[in-house]
Each structure stands twice: as structure tokens, then as C-alpha cells.
């Protein structure tokens, strides 16, 4: 096939554009799970701070984030998320819609989520849409919680909540690219800064 290489290159560039890769004006959202707070956790502390391990993870995340020069950093008001975000910058915008899905811990150490997935999707979508509108073409870091992040990623990928079998590790980065009303996932649970 004559001109096959050129046609293949054009087809790949069109595919990349469909996923908002290097598309001018798109906003890049880093969805980051907070650092570890469970090592040495104290009984009865409903809003635990970062553990020493979580502080280290957050510093490693901050070094990585500094390379991207974020337009803004948002966080859940939970202490562990706020402390993770504050490792990146003192100028953190707090939004309660980024909180974790409320849960109960059963006798067998199982989690039971008490907020419906549709509600989580609605609040996470609303806050992310507002962030995208406020920072067109920017790079924004959003520090939150595993359950809420996974639920939002399911929404973007058109996967039924609970079907994406992944647990974001502490300070992992999942990337969503946004332009207008389009949302595309660019990375899931990247932890290269922890290596």
C-alpha cells in the first residue's frame, strides 16, 4: 500500500486527538489519593492525620507535582487529604464534595459504603466540571479518596460502579483530560514517584 506510513501516522494522530492527547486547550486533572494515614492510627480518630509513611509519600508526590507547575490544587477537607495537598502548596482549595464515600466497618473487617454510587458520581462530576471550567487548559491536582476517585473514573469510562477492580495506592495519580463536556482517562493509579 503506497503512502501507508503517512496514512497510519494520520490515523494515529486522529485517534490520539479523540482521547484529548496533546489537544490544545484541554485541562489535565490529576486525581490523587491521599497519603497513608493508617499506620499507627489511633482508635477513635475519625479524621486521622498522615502517618510518617504518608508524609514521605506526600513529599515524593510534591516533588513530582512541582515538575508540572499546577494551575491549582484542590482537596477534600479530610485531614489526610489536606495534608497531602499542603505538601504540594500552601494554597489549597478545599471542597467537601471530594470527601470519601461514607462507610461502615463490619465485624469481618469489610467495608460497607452508605452513599449510593449515583450520588457519589453526581457530586464528583459537579466538582470536577467546576474545576475544569475554572482552569481551562490548565493542569490541576485534586486530592481525594480511593472510593470517590474510582467511582468517578468508572463514570468517565462508562463502567458500572463497582466493576473497576482497582484500589488506588496512596498518593497514586489517575489522569483525566477534559475539553468542553468531553472527559478521557489518561492514566490509572500511577505511583512512579514512589519508586
Protein backbone atom coordinates (compact mmCIF):
# COMPACT_ATOMS: atom_id res chain seq x y z
CA UNK A 1 0.00 0.00 0.00
CA UNK A 2 1.54 3.25 -1.18
CA UNK A 3 1.63 6.05 1.36
CA UNK A 4 0.80 3.56 4.12
CA UNK A 5 3.13 5.11 6.69
CA UNK A 6 1.65 8.58 6.22
CA UNK A 7 -1.92 7.26 6.43
CA UNK A 8 -1.07 5.26 9.55
CA UNK A 9 0.51 8.33 11.17
CA UNK A 10 -2.55 10.45 10.38
CA UNK A 11 -4.86 7.74 11.73
CA UNK A 12 -2.85 7.52 14.97
CA UNK A 13 -2.87 11.32 15.40
CA UNK A 14 -6.64 11.33 14.89
CA UNK A 15 -7.03 8.57 17.48
CA UNK A 16 -4.82 10.47 19.95
CA UNK A 17 -6.89 13.63 19.39
CA UNK A 18 -10.08 11.68 20.10
CA UNK A 19 -8.59 10.88 23.52
CA UNK A 20 -7.50 14.52 24.01
CA UNK A 21 -3.80 13.68 23.87
CA UNK A 22 -1.86 16.88 23.20
CA UNK A 23 -5.06 18.67 22.15
CA UNK A 24 -4.62 22.41 22.68
CA UNK A 25 -6.86 23.86 25.37
CA UNK A 26 -7.61 20.62 27.24
CA UNK A 27 -7.46 20.63 31.03
CA UNK A 28 -5.49 17.90 32.75
CA UNK A 29 -6.82 16.74 36.12
CA UNK A 30 -4.65 14.67 38.42
CA UNK A 31 -6.90 12.69 40.74
CA UNK A 32 -4.66 11.81 43.68
CA UNK A 33 -5.43 9.56 46.61
CA UNK A 34 -4.19 10.95 49.93
CA UNK A 35 -1.06 9.58 51.61
CA UNK A 36 -1.15 6.75 54.13
CA UNK A 37 -2.86 7.54 57.45
CA UNK A 38 -3.47 4.05 58.79
CA UNK A 39 0.00 3.08 60.04
CA UNK A 40 -0.11 3.86 63.78
CA UNK A 41 -3.70 5.12 63.60
CA UNK A 42 -5.28 5.89 67.00
CA UNK A 43 -8.64 4.38 68.00
CA UNK A 44 -11.50 6.86 67.84
CA UNK A 45 -9.78 9.28 65.45
CA UNK A 46 -12.43 9.78 62.76
CA UNK A 47 -10.19 12.21 60.84
CA UNK A 48 -6.64 10.83 61.11
CA UNK A 49 -3.56 12.78 60.02
CA UNK A 50 -0.95 11.36 57.69
CA UNK A 51 1.28 8.68 59.16
CA UNK A 52 5.07 9.14 58.89
CA UNK A 53 4.88 6.94 55.76
CA UNK A 54 2.10 9.17 54.39
CA UNK A 55 4.24 12.27 54.97
CA UNK A 56 7.07 10.65 52.99
CA UNK A 57 4.69 9.65 50.18
CA UNK A 58 3.30 13.20 50.06
CA UNK A 59 6.78 14.71 49.80
CA UNK A 60 7.57 12.35 46.92
CA UNK A 61 4.29 13.36 45.23
CA UNK A 62 5.12 17.05 45.76
CA UNK A 63 8.49 16.64 44.03
CA UNK A 64 6.73 15.09 41.04
CA UNK A 65 3.93 17.66 41.04
CA UNK A 66 6.43 20.52 41.08
CA UNK A 67 7.55 19.47 37.60
CA UNK A 68 4.04 20.02 36.21
CA UNK A 69 3.56 23.51 37.70
CA UNK A 70 -0.14 23.04 38.58
CA UNK A 71 -2.65 25.83 37.98
CA UNK A 72 -4.38 24.92 41.25
CA UNK A 73 -4.56 22.27 43.95
CA UNK A 74 -7.89 21.15 45.42
CA UNK A 75 -8.50 18.79 48.32
CA UNK A 76 -11.10 17.08 50.41
CA UNK A 77 -11.39 18.68 53.86
CA UNK A 78 -10.32 15.38 55.49
CA UNK A 79 -7.05 15.96 57.32
CA UNK A 80 -5.16 13.23 55.40
CA UNK A 81 -6.15 14.73 52.02
CA UNK A 82 -5.50 18.30 53.12
CA UNK A 83 -2.05 17.42 54.46
CA UNK A 84 -1.22 15.60 51.23
CA UNK A 85 -2.24 18.65 49.19
CA UNK A 86 -0.34 21.03 51.51
CA UNK A 87 2.86 19.12 50.77
CA UNK A 88 2.46 20.46 47.21
CA UNK A 89 1.39 24.04 48.02
CA UNK A 90 0.05 26.14 50.89
CA UNK A 91 -2.64 27.47 48.53
CA UNK A 92 -5.11 24.57 48.69
CA UNK A 93 -8.76 24.98 47.72
CA UNK A 94 -10.98 22.79 49.88
CA UNK A 95 -14.23 21.26 48.63
CA UNK A 96 -16.34 18.90 50.75
CA UNK A 97 -17.70 17.18 47.63
CA UNK A 98 -14.30 15.49 47.37
CA UNK A 99 -14.84 13.59 50.64
CA UNK A 100 -14.70 9.81 50.73
CA UNK A 101 -17.85 7.75 50.36
CA UNK A 102 -19.24 7.32 53.89
CA UNK A 103 -18.77 3.77 55.10
CA UNK A 104 -19.23 1.39 57.97
CA UNK A 105 -16.71 -1.22 59.06
CA UNK A 106 -18.18 -4.67 59.67
CA UNK A 107 -17.08 -7.25 62.22
CA UNK A 108 -15.30 -9.18 59.47
CA UNK A 109 -13.23 -6.08 58.51
CA UNK A 110 -15.34 -5.49 55.41
CA UNK A 111 -16.38 -2.04 54.27
CA UNK A 112 -19.99 -1.21 53.60
CA UNK A 113 -20.49 2.03 51.69
CA UNK A 114 -23.52 4.03 52.82
CA UNK A 115 -23.76 6.53 49.93
CA UNK A 116 -25.28 5.42 46.65
CA UNK A 117 -22.88 5.36 43.67
CA UNK A 118 -25.19 7.75 41.74
CA UNK A 119 -24.80 10.33 44.49
CA UNK A 120 -21.01 9.98 44.51
CA UNK A 121 -20.91 10.32 40.73
CA UNK A 122 -23.13 13.40 40.87
CA UNK A 123 -21.03 15.27 43.44
CA UNK A 124 -17.67 14.25 41.95
CA UNK A 125 -18.79 15.17 38.44
CA UNK A 126 -20.08 18.55 39.64
CA UNK A 127 -16.84 19.48 41.38
CA UNK A 128 -14.60 18.26 38.54
CA UNK A 129 -16.73 20.13 35.98
CA UNK A 130 -16.39 23.32 38.03
CA UNK A 131 -12.62 22.84 38.32
CA UNK A 132 -12.32 22.33 34.55
CA UNK A 133 -14.38 25.47 33.90
CA UNK A 134 -12.23 27.48 36.31
CA UNK A 135 -8.92 26.31 34.81
CA UNK A 136 -9.35 25.87 31.03
CA UNK A 137 -6.18 24.50 29.51
CA UNK A 138 -4.58 24.13 32.94
CA UNK A 139 -3.14 21.32 34.97
CA UNK A 140 -4.93 20.80 38.26
CA UNK A 141 -4.28 18.45 41.17
CA UNK A 142 -7.30 17.12 43.08
CA UNK A 143 -6.51 15.21 46.29
CA UNK A 144 -9.25 12.93 47.50
CA UNK A 145 -10.08 9.37 48.46
CA UNK A 146 -9.97 5.94 46.82
CA UNK A 147 -13.69 5.15 46.69
CA UNK A 148 -14.77 8.53 45.37
CA UNK A 149 -11.96 8.60 42.80
CA UNK A 150 -12.71 5.09 41.50
CA UNK A 151 -16.41 5.89 41.31
CA UNK A 152 -15.68 9.00 39.20
CA UNK A 153 -13.27 7.08 36.95
CA UNK A 154 -15.99 4.47 36.36
CA UNK A 155 -18.30 7.27 35.28
CA UNK A 156 -15.74 8.69 32.82
CA UNK A 157 -15.02 5.23 31.37
CA UNK A 158 -18.72 4.28 31.19
CA UNK A 159 -18.21 1.36 33.57
CA UNK A 160 -20.85 0.40 36.10
CA UNK A 161 -19.72 1.48 39.61
CA UNK A 162 -18.13 -1.43 41.45
CA UNK A 163 -16.94 -3.10 38.22
CA UNK A 164 -13.49 -1.44 38.07
CA UNK A 165 -11.43 -3.74 40.28
CA UNK A 166 -8.69 -1.35 41.27
CA UNK A 167 -7.62 0.24 44.55
CA UNK A 168 -5.59 3.43 44.10
CA UNK A 169 -2.47 3.23 46.24
CA UNK A 170 -1.54 6.14 48.50
CA UNK A 171 -0.62 9.28 46.51
CA UNK A 172 -1.28 7.48 43.23
CA UNK A 173 -2.15 9.67 40.25
CA UNK A 174 -5.03 8.98 37.88
CA UNK A 175 -5.24 11.45 35.00
CA UNK A 176 -8.43 12.72 33.38
CA UNK A 177 -8.18 15.00 30.34
CA UNK A 178 -11.10 17.37 29.78
CA UNK A 179 -12.23 19.66 26.99
CA UNK A 180 -15.75 21.06 26.88
CA UNK A 181 -18.01 18.24 28.03
CA UNK A 182 -15.56 15.52 26.96
CA UNK A 183 -13.63 13.52 29.57
CA UNK A 184 -10.97 10.92 28.83
CA UNK A 185 -8.89 8.85 31.23
CA UNK A 186 -5.19 9.12 30.52
CA UNK A 187 -3.68 7.12 33.39
CA UNK A 188 -4.78 4.94 36.29
CA UNK A 189 -3.14 4.84 39.72
CA UNK A 190 0.39 5.84 38.64
CA UNK A 191 2.89 5.66 41.51
CA UNK A 192 6.20 6.24 39.67
CA UNK A 193 7.13 8.94 42.23
CA UNK A 194 7.20 6.26 44.95
CA UNK A 195 9.80 4.09 43.17
